[in-house]
C-alpha atoms as a PDB file:
ATOM      1  CA  SER A   1     -27.978  -6.262 -13.255  1.00  0.00           C
ATOM      2  CA  ILE A   2     -28.147  -4.175 -10.753  1.00  0.00           C
ATOM      3  CA  GLU A   3     -25.776  -2.384 -12.443  1.00  0.00           C
ATOM      4  CA  VAL A   4     -27.781  -1.769 -15.763  1.00  0.00           C
ATOM      5  CA  MET A   5     -31.121  -0.857 -13.879  1.00  0.00           C
ATOM      6  CA  GLY A   6     -28.990   1.922 -11.731  1.00  0.00           C
ATOM      7  CA  ASP A   7     -29.459   3.503  -8.120  1.00  0.00           C
ATOM      8  CA  GLY A   8     -33.332   2.612  -6.774  1.00  0.00           C
ATOM      9  CA  CYS A   9     -33.901  -0.659  -8.563  1.00  0.00           C
ATOM     10  CA  LEU A  10     -34.198  -2.619  -4.655  1.00  0.00           C
ATOM     11  CA  ASN A  11     -36.500  -0.693  -2.653  1.00  0.00           C
ATOM     12  CA  ASP A  12     -35.843  -1.559   1.160  1.00  0.00           C
ATOM     13  CA  GLU A  13     -37.667  -4.671   1.080  1.00  0.00           C
ATOM     14  CA  HIS A  14     -35.579  -6.313  -1.436  1.00  0.00           C
ATOM     15  CA  LEU A  15     -32.548  -5.299   0.172  1.00  0.00           C
ATOM     16  CA  GLU A  16     -33.555  -6.746   3.661  1.00  0.00           C
ATOM     17  CA  GLU A  17     -34.636  -9.871   2.376  1.00  0.00           C
ATOM     18  CA  LEU A  18     -31.089  -9.845  -0.018  1.00  0.00           C
ATOM     19  CA  GLY A  19     -28.934  -9.097   2.921  1.00  0.00           C
ATOM     20  CA  GLU A  20     -30.304 -11.911   5.000  1.00  0.00           C
ATOM     21  CA  ILE A  21     -29.884 -14.103   2.303  1.00  0.00           C
ATOM     22  CA  LEU A  22     -25.969 -13.202   1.723  1.00  0.00           C
ATOM     23  CA  LYS A  23     -25.501 -13.122   5.656  1.00  0.00           C
ATOM     24  CA  ALA A  24     -26.862 -17.186   5.759  1.00  0.00           C
ATOM     25  CA  LYS A  25     -24.543 -18.052   3.043  1.00  0.00           C
ATOM     26  CA  LEU A  26     -21.463 -16.507   4.513  1.00  0.00           C
ATOM     27  CA  GLU A  27     -22.425 -17.856   7.884  1.00  0.00           C
ATOM     28  CA  GLY A  28     -23.090 -20.990   6.237  1.00  0.00           C
ATOM     29  CA  HIS A  29     -19.548 -21.113   4.760  1.00  0.00           C
ATOM     30  CA  PHE A  30     -18.132 -20.981   7.675  1.00  0.00           C
ATOM     31  CA  LYS A  31     -20.169 -23.440   9.274  1.00  0.00           C
ATOM     32  CA  ASN A  32     -19.061 -25.704   6.448  1.00  0.00           C
ATOM     33  CA  GLN A  33     -15.526 -25.146   7.076  1.00  0.00           C
ATOM     34  CA  GLU A  34     -15.599 -26.228  10.096  1.00  0.00           C
ATOM     35  CA  LEU A  35     -17.172 -29.404   9.738  1.00  0.00           C
ATOM     36  CA  ARG A  36     -14.962 -30.407   6.956  1.00  0.00           C
ATOM     37  CA  GLN A  37     -12.148 -29.761   9.523  1.00  0.00           C
ATOM     38  CA  VAL A  38     -14.231 -31.891  12.386  1.00  0.00           C
ATOM     39  CA  LYS A  39     -13.940 -34.565   9.332  1.00  0.00           C
ATOM     40  CA  ARG A  40     -10.700 -34.780   8.439  1.00  0.00           C
ATOM     41  CA  GLN A  41      -9.972 -36.159  12.407  1.00  0.00           C
ATOM     42  CA  GLU A  42     -12.523 -38.533  11.998  1.00  0.00           C
ATOM     43  CA  GLU A  43     -11.427 -42.471  12.073  1.00  0.00           C
ATOM     44  CA  ASN A  44     -12.651 -43.218   8.374  1.00  0.00           C
ATOM     45  CA  TYR A  45     -10.943 -40.207   7.287  1.00  0.00           C
ATOM     46  CA  ASP A  46      -8.781 -41.375   3.536  1.00  0.00           C
ATOM     47  CA  GLN A  47      -7.883 -39.739   0.075  1.00  0.00           C
ATOM     48  CA  GLN A  48     -11.036 -40.518  -0.997  1.00  0.00           C
ATOM     49  CA  VAL A  49     -12.947 -38.642   1.995  1.00  0.00           C
ATOM     50  CA  GLU A  50     -10.092 -35.776   1.558  1.00  0.00           C
ATOM     51  CA  MET A  51     -11.055 -35.543  -2.075  1.00  0.00           C
ATOM     52  CA  SER A  52     -14.825 -35.202  -1.720  1.00  0.00           C
ATOM     53  CA  LEU A  53     -13.737 -32.668   0.966  1.00  0.00           C
ATOM     54  CA  GLN A  54     -12.297 -30.388  -2.139  1.00  0.00           C
ATOM     55  CA  ASP A  55     -14.871 -30.416  -4.176  1.00  0.00           C
ATOM     56  CA  GLU A  56     -17.331 -28.876  -1.247  1.00  0.00           C
ATOM     57  CA  ASP A  57     -14.660 -26.409  -0.492  1.00  0.00           C
ATOM     58  CA  GLU A  58     -14.348 -25.677  -4.489  1.00  0.00           C
ATOM     59  CA  CYS A  59     -18.297 -25.090  -4.166  1.00  0.00           C
ATOM     60  CA  ASP A  60     -18.203 -22.918  -1.169  1.00  0.00           C
ATOM     61  CA  VAL A  61     -15.761 -20.882  -3.214  1.00  0.00           C
ATOM     62  CA  TYR A  62     -17.836 -20.289  -6.172  1.00  0.00           C
ATOM     63  CA  ILE A  63     -20.758 -19.542  -3.925  1.00  0.00           C
ATOM     64  CA  LEU A  64     -18.443 -16.642  -2.329  1.00  0.00           C
ATOM     65  CA  THR A  65     -17.037 -15.092  -5.469  1.00  0.00           C
ATOM     66  CA  LYS A  66     -20.829 -14.691  -6.112  1.00  0.00           C
ATOM     67  CA  VAL A  67     -21.172 -12.688  -3.268  1.00  0.00           C
ATOM     68  CA  SER A  68     -18.884 -10.625  -3.691  1.00  0.00           C
ATOM     69  CA  ASP A  69     -20.218 -10.287  -7.619  1.00  0.00           C
ATOM     70  CA  ILE A  70     -23.199  -8.821  -5.614  1.00  0.00           C
ATOM     71  CA  LEU A  71     -21.423  -6.775  -3.106  1.00  0.00           C
ATOM     72  CA  HIS A  72     -19.253  -4.917  -6.043  1.00  0.00           C
ATOM     73  CA  SER A  73     -22.513  -4.768  -8.022  1.00  0.00           C
ATOM     74  CA  LEU A  74     -24.309  -2.919  -5.106  1.00  0.00           C
ATOM     75  CA  PHE A  75     -20.879  -0.671  -4.502  1.00  0.00           C
ATOM     76  CA  SER A  76     -20.484   0.496  -7.919  1.00  0.00           C
ATOM     77  CA  THR A  77     -24.236   0.902  -8.167  1.00  0.00           C
ATOM     78  CA  TYR A  78     -24.969   2.852  -4.647  1.00  0.00           C
ATOM     79  CA  LYS A  79     -21.645   4.164  -3.567  1.00  0.00           C
ATOM     80  CA  GLU A  80     -21.571   4.997  -0.358  1.00  0.00           C
ATOM     81  CA  LYS A  81     -25.122   4.915   0.647  1.00  0.00           C
ATOM     82  CA  ILE A  82     -24.998   1.292   0.690  1.00  0.00           C
ATOM     83  CA  LEU A  83     -22.689   0.991   3.592  1.00  0.00           C
ATOM     84  CA  PRO A  84     -25.375   0.984   6.671  1.00  0.00           C
ATOM     85  CA  TRP A  85     -26.814  -1.670   4.737  1.00  0.00           C
ATOM     86  CA  PHE A  86     -23.517  -3.524   4.082  1.00  0.00           C
ATOM     87  CA  GLU A  87     -22.753  -3.120   8.337  1.00  0.00           C
ATOM     88  CA  GLN A  88     -24.862  -6.622   9.118  1.00  0.00           C
ATOM     89  CA  LEU A  89     -22.658  -8.333   6.905  1.00  0.00           C
ATOM     90  CA  LEU A  90     -19.200  -6.506   8.033  1.00  0.00           C
ATOM     91  CA  PRO A  91     -18.139  -8.642  11.145  1.00  0.00           C
ATOM     92  CA  LEU A  92     -18.808 -11.403   8.695  1.00  0.00           C
ATOM     93  CA  ILE A  93     -16.375  -9.858   5.612  1.00  0.00           C
ATOM     94  CA  VAL A  94     -13.785  -9.082   8.429  1.00  0.00           C
ATOM     95  CA  ASN A  95     -14.017 -12.851   9.661  1.00  0.00           C
ATOM     96  CA  LEU A  96     -13.219 -13.636   5.881  1.00  0.00           C
ATOM     97  CA  ILE A  97      -9.411 -11.570   5.886  1.00  0.00           C
ATOM     98  CA  CYS A  98      -8.351 -13.217   9.749  1.00  0.00           C
ATOM     99  CA  SER A  99      -4.534 -14.170   8.788  1.00  0.00           C
ATOM    100  CA  SER A 100      -5.648 -17.725  10.036  1.00  0.00           C
ATOM    101  CA  ARG A 101      -8.396 -18.329   6.985  1.00  0.00           C
ATOM    102  CA  PRO A 102      -7.174 -20.319   3.878  1.00  0.00           C
ATOM    103  CA  TRP A 103      -6.040 -18.527   0.817  1.00  0.00           C
ATOM    104  CA  PRO A 104      -9.486 -18.036  -1.194  1.00  0.00           C
ATOM    105  CA  ASP A 105     -11.196 -16.586   2.072  1.00  0.00           C
ATOM    106  CA  ARG A 106      -8.719 -13.914   1.991  1.00  0.00           C
ATOM    107  CA  GLN A 107      -8.386 -13.084  -1.299  1.00  0.00           C
ATOM    108  CA  TRP A 108     -12.641 -12.335  -2.035  1.00  0.00           C
ATOM    109  CA  GLY A 109     -12.873 -10.733   1.697  1.00  0.00           C
ATOM    110  CA  LEU A 110     -10.167  -7.967   0.505  1.00  0.00           C
ATOM    111  CA  CYS A 111     -11.811  -7.398  -3.226  1.00  0.00           C
ATOM    112  CA  ILE A 112     -15.077  -6.689  -1.103  1.00  0.00           C
ATOM    113  CA  PHE A 113     -12.662  -4.485   0.831  1.00  0.00           C
ATOM    114  CA  ASP A 114     -11.046  -2.932  -2.096  1.00  0.00           C
ATOM    115  CA  ASP A 115     -14.820  -2.323  -4.049  1.00  0.00           C
ATOM    116  CA  ILE A 116     -15.509  -0.477  -0.610  1.00  0.00           C
ATOM    117  CA  ILE A 117     -12.375   1.708  -1.084  1.00  0.00           C
ATOM    118  CA  GLU A 118     -12.857   2.333  -4.621  1.00  0.00           C
ATOM    119  CA  HIS A 119     -16.914   3.034  -4.773  1.00  0.00           C
ATOM    120  CA  CYS A 120     -17.565   4.430  -1.454  1.00  0.00           C
ATOM    121  CA  SER A 121     -14.314   6.830  -0.680  1.00  0.00           C
ATOM    122  CA  PRO A 122     -13.663   9.043   1.254  1.00  0.00           C
ATOM    123  CA  THR A 123     -16.518   7.344   3.483  1.00  0.00           C
ATOM    124  CA  SER A 124     -14.549   4.079   3.453  1.00  0.00           C
ATOM    125  CA  PHE A 125     -11.813   5.252   5.543  1.00  0.00           C
ATOM    126  CA  LYS A 126     -14.179   4.568   8.364  1.00  0.00           C
ATOM    127  CA  TYR A 127     -13.280   0.926   8.243  1.00  0.00           C
ATOM    128  CA  VAL A 128      -9.694   1.401   7.866  1.00  0.00           C
ATOM    129  CA  GLU A 129      -8.997  -0.527  10.921  1.00  0.00           C
ATOM    130  CA  TYR A 130     -10.479  -3.872   9.856  1.00  0.00           C
ATOM    131  CA  PHE A 131      -8.442  -4.065   6.287  1.00  0.00           C
ATOM    132  CA  ARG A 132      -5.305  -1.599   7.144  1.00  0.00           C
ATOM    133  CA  TRP A 133      -2.927  -4.905   8.439  1.00  0.00           C
ATOM    134  CA  PRO A 134      -4.843  -7.651   6.375  1.00  0.00           C
ATOM    135  CA  MET A 135      -4.206  -5.115   3.027  1.00  0.00           C
ATOM    136  CA  LEU A 136      -0.596  -4.798   4.169  1.00  0.00           C
ATOM    137  CA  LEU A 137       0.328  -8.401   5.712  1.00  0.00           C
ATOM    138  CA  ASN A 138      -1.315  -9.831   2.438  1.00  0.00           C
ATOM    139  CA  MET A 139       1.267  -8.571   0.172  1.00  0.00           C
ATOM    140  CA  ARG A 140       3.630 -10.955   1.510  1.00  0.00           C
ATOM    141  CA  ASP A 141       1.541 -13.766   0.599  1.00  0.00           C
ATOM    142  CA  ASN A 142       2.418 -16.871  -0.768  1.00  0.00           C
ATOM    143  CA  ASN A 143      -0.891 -17.223  -3.253  1.00  0.00           C
ATOM    144  CA  PRO A 144       0.007 -14.491  -6.138  1.00  0.00           C
ATOM    145  CA  GLU A 145      -4.474 -14.110  -6.082  1.00  0.00           C
ATOM    146  CA  VAL A 146      -3.914 -12.786  -2.516  1.00  0.00           C
ATOM    147  CA  ARG A 147      -1.095 -10.321  -3.385  1.00  0.00           C
ATOM    148  CA  GLN A 148      -3.125  -9.690  -6.615  1.00  0.00           C
ATOM    149  CA  ALA A 149      -5.919  -8.440  -4.138  1.00  0.00           C
ATOM    150  CA  ALA A 150      -3.848  -6.768  -1.648  1.00  0.00           C
ATOM    151  CA  ALA A 151      -2.046  -4.463  -4.436  1.00  0.00           C
ATOM    152  CA  TYR A 152      -5.139  -3.698  -6.384  1.00  0.00           C
ATOM    153  CA  GLY A 153      -6.830  -2.545  -2.642  1.00  0.00           C
ATOM    154  CA  LEU A 154      -3.587  -0.181  -2.195  1.00  0.00           C
ATOM    155  CA  GLY A 155      -3.632   0.965  -5.930  1.00  0.00           C
ATOM    156  CA  VAL A 156      -7.377   2.500  -5.498  1.00  0.00           C
ATOM    157  CA  MET A 157      -6.799   4.109  -1.676  1.00  0.00           C
ATOM    158  CA  ALA A 158      -4.376   6.228  -3.558  1.00  0.00           C
ATOM    159  CA  GLN A 159      -6.678   6.373  -6.451  1.00  0.00           C
ATOM    160  CA  PHE A 160      -9.971   7.384  -4.485  1.00  0.00           C
ATOM    161  CA  GLY A 161      -8.995   6.967  -1.282  1.00  0.00           C
ATOM    162  CA  GLY A 162      -8.727  11.142  -0.010  1.00  0.00           C
ATOM    163  CA  ASP A 163      -5.689  12.151   2.495  1.00  0.00           C
ATOM    164  CA  ASP A 164      -7.132   9.974   5.332  1.00  0.00           C
ATOM    165  CA  TYR A 165      -5.158   6.688   3.353  1.00  0.00           C
ATOM    166  CA  ARG A 166      -2.338   9.217   2.761  1.00  0.00           C
ATOM    167  CA  SER A 167       0.041   7.407   5.147  1.00  0.00           C
ATOM    168  CA  LEU A 168      -1.130   4.421   4.582  1.00  0.00           C
ATOM    169  CA  CYS A 169      -0.080   4.612   0.889  1.00  0.00           C
ATOM    170  CA  SER A 170       3.178   5.719   1.984  1.00  0.00           C
ATOM    171  CA  GLU A 171       3.609   2.375   4.301  1.00  0.00           C
ATOM    172  CA  ALA A 172       2.909   0.504   1.197  1.00  0.00           C
ATOM    173  CA  VAL A 173       5.356   1.744  -1.321  1.00  0.00           C
ATOM    174  CA  PRO A 174       8.374  -0.178  -0.334  1.00  0.00           C
ATOM    175  CA  LEU A 175       5.826  -3.407   0.244  1.00  0.00           C
ATOM    176  CA  LEU A 176       5.008  -2.993  -3.110  1.00  0.00           C
ATOM    177  CA  VAL A 177       8.550  -2.582  -4.634  1.00  0.00           C
ATOM    178  CA  LYS A 178       9.861  -6.006  -2.206  1.00  0.00           C
ATOM    179  CA  VAL A 179       7.153  -7.493  -4.676  1.00  0.00           C
ATOM    180  CA  ILE A 180       8.326  -6.203  -7.974  1.00  0.00           C
ATOM    181  CA  LYS A 181      11.793  -6.822  -7.408  1.00  0.00           C
ATOM    182  CA  CYS A 182      11.547 -10.432  -5.990  1.00  0.00           C
ATOM    183  CA  ALA A 183      13.267 -13.051  -8.380  1.00  0.00           C
ATOM    184  CA  ASN A 184      10.362 -15.099  -9.438  1.00  0.00           C
ATOM    185  CA  SER A 185       7.835 -11.737 -10.135  1.00  0.00           C
ATOM    186  CA  LYS A 186       7.356 -12.032 -13.466  1.00  0.00           C
ATOM    187  CA  THR A 187       6.949 -15.661 -14.099  1.00  0.00           C
ATOM    188  CA  LYS A 188       3.119 -16.879 -15.178  1.00  0.00           C
ATOM    189  CA  LYS A 189       1.909 -17.412 -11.874  1.00  0.00           C
ATOM    190  CA  ASN A 190       3.196 -14.425 -10.264  1.00  0.00           C
ATOM    191  CA  VAL A 191       2.958 -11.623 -13.226  1.00  0.00           C
ATOM    192  CA  ILE A 192      -0.584 -10.465 -12.823  1.00  0.00           C
ATOM    193  CA  ALA A 193      -0.211 -10.040  -9.171  1.00  0.00           C
ATOM    194  CA  THR A 194       3.012  -8.218 -10.024  1.00  0.00           C
ATOM    195  CA  GLU A 195       1.686  -6.279 -12.623  1.00  0.00           C
ATOM    196  CA  ASN A 196      -1.040  -4.985  -9.879  1.00  0.00           C
ATOM    197  CA  CYS A 197       1.994  -4.022  -7.538  1.00  0.00           C
ATOM    198  CA  ILE A 198       3.517  -1.768 -10.503  1.00  0.00           C
ATOM    199  CA  SER A 199      -0.096  -0.192 -11.143  1.00  0.00           C
ATOM    200  CA  ALA A 200      -0.301   0.352  -7.284  1.00  0.00           C
ATOM    201  CA  VAL A 201       2.972   2.081  -7.183  1.00  0.00           C
ATOM    202  CA  GLY A 202       2.077   4.148 -10.489  1.00  0.00           C
ATOM    203  CA  LYS A 203      -1.457   5.335  -8.421  1.00  0.00           C
ATOM    204  CA  ILE A 204       0.569   6.464  -5.237  1.00  0.00           C
ATOM    205  CA  LEU A 205       2.793   8.703  -7.575  1.00  0.00           C
ATOM    206  CA  ARG A 206       0.073   9.885  -9.905  1.00  0.00           C
ATOM    207  CA  PHE A 207      -2.909  10.417  -7.218  1.00  0.00           C
ATOM    208  CA  LYS A 208      -0.476  10.376  -3.535  1.00  0.00           C
ATOM    209  CA  PRO A 209       2.841  12.455  -4.607  1.00  0.00           C
ATOM    210  CA  ASN A 210       3.291  13.644  -1.830  1.00  0.00           C
ATOM    211  CA  CYS A 211       3.235  10.702   0.010  1.00  0.00           C
ATOM    212  CA  VAL A 212       6.847   9.193  -1.668  1.00  0.00           C
ATOM    213  CA  ASN A 213      10.375  10.665  -2.873  1.00  0.00           C
ATOM    214  CA  VAL A 214       8.625  10.628  -6.527  1.00  0.00           C
ATOM    215  CA  ASP A 215      11.694  11.420  -8.193  1.00  0.00           C
ATOM    216  CA  GLU A 216      13.482   8.699  -6.147  1.00  0.00           C
ATOM    217  CA  VAL A 217      10.558   6.125  -7.263  1.00  0.00           C
ATOM    218  CA  LEU A 218      10.145   7.299 -10.833  1.00  0.00           C
ATOM    219  CA  PRO A 219      12.726   6.025 -12.708  1.00  0.00           C
ATOM    220  CA  HIS A 220      12.253   2.962 -11.275  1.00  0.00           C
ATOM    221  CA  TRP A 221       8.637   2.426 -11.983  1.00  0.00           C
ATOM    222  CA  LEU A 222       9.649   3.313 -15.402  1.00  0.00           C
ATOM    223  CA  SER A 223      11.784   0.411 -15.803  1.00  0.00           C
ATOM    224  CA  TRP A 224       9.316  -2.237 -14.703  1.00  0.00           C
ATOM    225  CA  LEU A 225       7.223  -1.028 -17.472  1.00  0.00           C
ATOM    226  CA  PRO A 226       5.598  -2.006 -19.913  1.00  0.00           C
ATOM    227  CA  LEU A 227       2.691  -4.199 -18.463  1.00  0.00           C
ATOM    228  CA  HIS A 228       1.559  -7.131 -20.647  1.00  0.00           C
ATOM    229  CA  GLU A 229      -0.859  -9.268 -19.065  1.00  0.00           C
ATOM    230  CA  ASP A 230      -3.341  -7.128 -16.995  1.00  0.00           C
ATOM    231  CA  LYS A 231      -5.070  -5.018 -20.096  1.00  0.00           C
ATOM    232  CA  GLU A 232      -6.873  -2.292 -17.630  1.00  0.00           C
ATOM    233  CA  GLU A 233      -3.662  -1.459 -15.290  1.00  0.00           C
ATOM    234  CA  ALA A 234      -1.652  -1.222 -18.314  1.00  0.00           C
ATOM    235  CA  ILE A 235      -3.893   1.273 -19.958  1.00  0.00           C
ATOM    236  CA  GLN A 236      -3.636   3.380 -16.289  1.00  0.00           C
ATOM    237  CA  THR A 237       0.344   3.191 -16.280  1.00  0.00           C
ATOM    238  CA  LEU A 238       0.010   4.822 -20.028  1.00  0.00           C
ATOM    239  CA  SER A 239      -2.484   7.500 -19.064  1.00  0.00           C
ATOM    240  CA  PHE A 240      -0.072   8.422 -16.170  1.00  0.00           C
ATOM    241  CA  LEU A 241       2.851   8.293 -18.892  1.00  0.00           C
ATOM    242  CA  CYS A 242       0.692  10.940 -20.696  1.00  0.00           C
ATOM    243  CA  ASP A 243       0.544  12.965 -17.337  1.00  0.00           C
ATOM    244  CA  LEU A 244       4.064  12.724 -16.798  1.00  0.00           C
ATOM    245  CA  ILE A 245       5.396  14.299 -20.981  1.00  0.00           C
ATOM    246  CA  GLU A 246       1.948  16.613 -21.057  1.00  0.00           C
ATOM    247  CA  SER A 247       3.333  18.221 -17.942  1.00  0.00           C
ATOM    248  CA  ASN A 248       7.079  18.286 -18.765  1.00  0.00           C
ATOM    249  CA  HIS A 249       8.232  16.531 -15.892  1.00  0.00           C
ATOM    250  CA  PRO A 250      11.827  16.810 -15.276  1.00  0.00           C
ATOM    251  CA  VAL A 251      12.612  13.161 -14.371  1.00  0.00           C
ATOM    252  CA  VAL A 252      10.548  11.962 -17.827  1.00  0.00           C
ATOM    253  CA  LEU A 253      12.493  14.867 -20.182  1.00  0.00           C
ATOM    254  CA  GLY A 254      15.722  15.596 -17.921  1.00  0.00           C
ATOM    255  CA  PRO A 255      19.330  15.568 -18.466  1.00  0.00           C
ATOM    256  CA  ASN A 256      19.143  11.994 -18.066  1.00  0.00           C
ATOM    257  CA  SER A 257      16.056  11.637 -20.521  1.00  0.00           C
ATOM    258  CA  ASN A 258      13.924   8.423 -20.341  1.00  0.00           C
ATOM    259  CA  LEU A 259      11.910   9.074 -23.573  1.00  0.00           C
ATOM    260  CA  PRO A 260      13.605   6.519 -25.491  1.00  0.00           C
ATOM    261  CA  LYS A 261      12.019   4.085 -22.578  1.00  0.00           C
ATOM    262  CA  ILE A 262       8.782   5.964 -22.780  1.00  0.00           C
ATOM    263  CA  ILE A 263       8.542   5.778 -26.939  1.00  0.00           C
ATOM    264  CA  SER A 264       9.151   2.006 -26.600  1.00  0.00           C
ATOM    265  CA  ILE A 265       6.834   1.755 -23.582  1.00  0.00           C
ATOM    266  CA  ILE A 266       4.045   3.001 -26.283  1.00  0.00           C
ATOM    267  CA  ALA A 267       5.334   1.018 -29.051  1.00  0.00           C
ATOM    268  CA  GLU A 268       5.330  -2.203 -27.083  1.00  0.00           C
ATOM    269  CA  GLY A 269       1.254  -0.938 -25.630  1.00  0.00           C
ATOM    270  CA  LYS A 270       0.542  -1.102 -29.466  1.00  0.00           C
ATOM    271  CA  ILE A 271       2.297  -4.420 -29.719  1.00  0.00           C
ATOM    272  CA  ASN A 272      -0.036  -5.909 -26.836  1.00  0.00           C
ATOM    273  CA  GLU A 273      -2.775  -4.624 -28.017  1.00  0.00           C
ATOM    274  CA  THR A 274      -3.251  -2.518 -24.758  1.00  0.00           C
ATOM    275  CA  ILE A 275      -3.919   0.534 -26.824  1.00  0.00           C
ATOM    276  CA  ASN A 276      -7.533   0.790 -28.019  1.00  0.00           C
ATOM    277  CA  TYR A 277      -8.105   3.561 -30.622  1.00  0.00           C
ATOM    278  CA  GLU A 278     -11.595   4.206 -29.081  1.00  0.00           C
ATOM    279  CA  ASP A 279      -9.873   5.195 -25.776  1.00  0.00           C
ATOM    280  CA  PRO A 280      -8.779   8.638 -25.409  1.00  0.00           C
ATOM    281  CA  CYS A 281      -5.385   7.289 -24.197  1.00  0.00           C
ATOM    282  CA  ALA A 282      -4.581   6.443 -27.885  1.00  0.00           C
ATOM    283  CA  LYS A 283      -5.107  10.017 -29.045  1.00  0.00           C
ATOM    284  CA  ARG A 284      -2.381  11.098 -25.992  1.00  0.00           C
ATOM    285  CA  LEU A 285      -0.195   8.630 -26.638  1.00  0.00           C
ATOM    286  CA  ALA A 286       0.146   9.368 -30.410  1.00  0.00           C
ATOM    287  CA  ASN A 287       0.460  13.319 -29.848  1.00  0.00           C
ATOM    288  CA  VAL A 288       3.462  12.434 -27.447  1.00  0.00           C
ATOM    289  CA  VAL A 289       5.148  10.847 -30.445  1.00  0.00           C
ATOM    290  CA  ARG A 290       4.011  13.943 -32.332  1.00  0.00           C
ATOM    291  CA  GLN A 291       5.641  15.957 -29.711  1.00  0.00           C
ATOM    292  CA  VAL A 292       8.922  14.398 -30.120  1.00  0.00           C
ATOM    293  CA  GLN A 293       9.468  13.758 -33.753  1.00  0.00           C
ATOM    294  CA  THR A 294       9.813  17.556 -33.661  1.00  0.00           C
ATOM    295  CA  SER A 295      13.219  17.461 -32.404  1.00  0.00           C
ATOM    296  CA  GLU A 296      14.594  15.503 -35.194  1.00  0.00           C
ATOM    297  CA  GLU A 297      17.338  14.953 -33.141  1.00  0.00           C
ATOM    298  CA  LEU A 298      15.796  13.720 -29.611  1.00  0.00           C
ATOM    299  CA  TRP A 299      13.323  11.319 -32.506  1.00  0.00           C
ATOM    300  CA  LEU A 300      16.493   9.563 -34.104  1.00  0.00           C
ATOM    301  CA  GLU A 301      18.101   8.462 -31.004  1.00  0.00           C
ATOM    302  CA  CYS A 302      14.826   7.274 -29.543  1.00  0.00           C
ATOM    303  CA  VAL A 303      14.051   5.179 -33.041  1.00  0.00           C
ATOM    304  CA  SER A 304      17.520   3.739 -32.929  1.00  0.00           C
ATOM    305  CA  GLN A 305      16.453   1.936 -29.792  1.00  0.00           C
ATOM    306  CA  LEU A 306      13.430   0.262 -31.517  1.00  0.00           C
ATOM    307  CA  ASP A 307      12.935  -3.334 -33.505  1.00  0.00           C
ATOM    308  CA  ASN A 308      11.549  -3.239 -36.726  1.00  0.00           C
ATOM    309  CA  GLU A 309       8.034  -4.368 -34.926  1.00  0.00           C
ATOM    310  CA  GLN A 310       8.405  -1.693 -32.677  1.00  0.00           C
ATOM    311  CA  ARG A 311       8.574   1.250 -35.371  1.00  0.00           C
ATOM    312  CA  GLU A 312       5.647  -0.199 -37.538  1.00  0.00           C
ATOM    313  CA  ALA A 313       3.450  -0.018 -34.735  1.00  0.00           C
ATOM    314  CA  LEU A 314       4.202   3.626 -34.043  1.00  0.00           C
ATOM    315  CA  GLN A 315       3.572   4.672 -37.500  1.00  0.00           C
ATOM    316  CA  GLU A 316       0.774   2.473 -37.042  1.00  0.00           C
ATOM    317  CA  LEU A 317      -0.570   4.113 -33.846  1.00  0.00           C
ATOM    318  CA  LEU A 318       0.505   7.642 -35.872  1.00  0.00           C
ATOM    319  CA  ASN A 319      -2.102   6.567 -39.041  1.00  0.00           C
ATOM    320  CA  PHE A 320      -5.092   5.581 -36.722  1.00  0.00           C
ATOM    321  CA  ALA A 321      -5.001   8.000 -33.848  1.00  0.00           C
END
């Protein structure tokens, strides 16, 4: 694995060969899609032909996931040093996220740009004109996989992107909120994409607070927690909660205290097995609970709103962290 072997495991010759292979795979991907469209117009086209074409399509999408995996390994290992090499593939990746492409193309194309933003920032901003509108527009896509890729990208922009991304983060917030507030946002099909939206709003509040009215958005964000399905994003939200409490943020600890809600979120995190005792966040969360316990009145107010399972979960957290 490139990630295990680290920076420098591929010499120029390896990279040149890998570039040619990936380029050929992507060019083949687009050519195969065109051929399938032609076959759909032919006289002998019927249900059986369509099933065969769909099998081919699935095979092509599988290859696309592998291309994305390889690029992920390169970006996470080599960071921005790999970008000059990547530019030979850039037009093909930009083509993947065109609005006319099938949704799996857009999903995996966005995932590749997500990796560039996460691992190659602030340099990634030089490509912003290629992915700015696709990232924002795909927040409205009918396919949750595409929305998830777009939302994750907006979150990593806030977390890793640097100041250049401020205006984009500002534009993103209303779009993310709209998805979260959709009537069917928490259905089984949609929940992972929605949780990525909630996490992205949290990352904008946390890492780009000057892009958004924090005091206005923060109570809404708290009301959308806890996250249940996406464990990685859930731990990010719990870590941000710790920041807010440790800094005595007025929205969290002010007159209309959100502490009972926060204590229930921590309890749910333990019940859902989001909190892992090896994670430094576990100790921080336990300390938050202990801090609240120092005020008997406040603690009783919080505990009175919990059920037995939540109370036991908090006790277990305190015993182990």
